[in-house]
Amino acid sequence: MGARRKATFYVDESIHKALRLKAANDDVSPSDLLNELLAQDLIEYLEDIQDIKAVKARAKERGKGMPLHQFAKKLKAHG
């Protein structure tokens, strides 16, 4: 990872306690654990954004093609 920057976040006590317990169990600092969890979530988020863009692009292409029922009818007629 790159350079670190200090940030203040307010979380519920139960989340803070769970973060500290998991960090202690995994033998990492709470900061390192939080960085890892946030990075994983943000990567998934960015992948979701890319998927949404791809679906929208495909939806635009659909208007250029032939409806499925017409394609099936044409396919039956020709082979």
Foldseek 3Di string as FASTA:
>chain_A
DDDDDDDDDDDDPVVVVVLCVVCVVVVHDSVVVVVVVVVVVVVVVVVVVVVVVVVVVVVVCVVVDDDPVVVVVVVVVPD
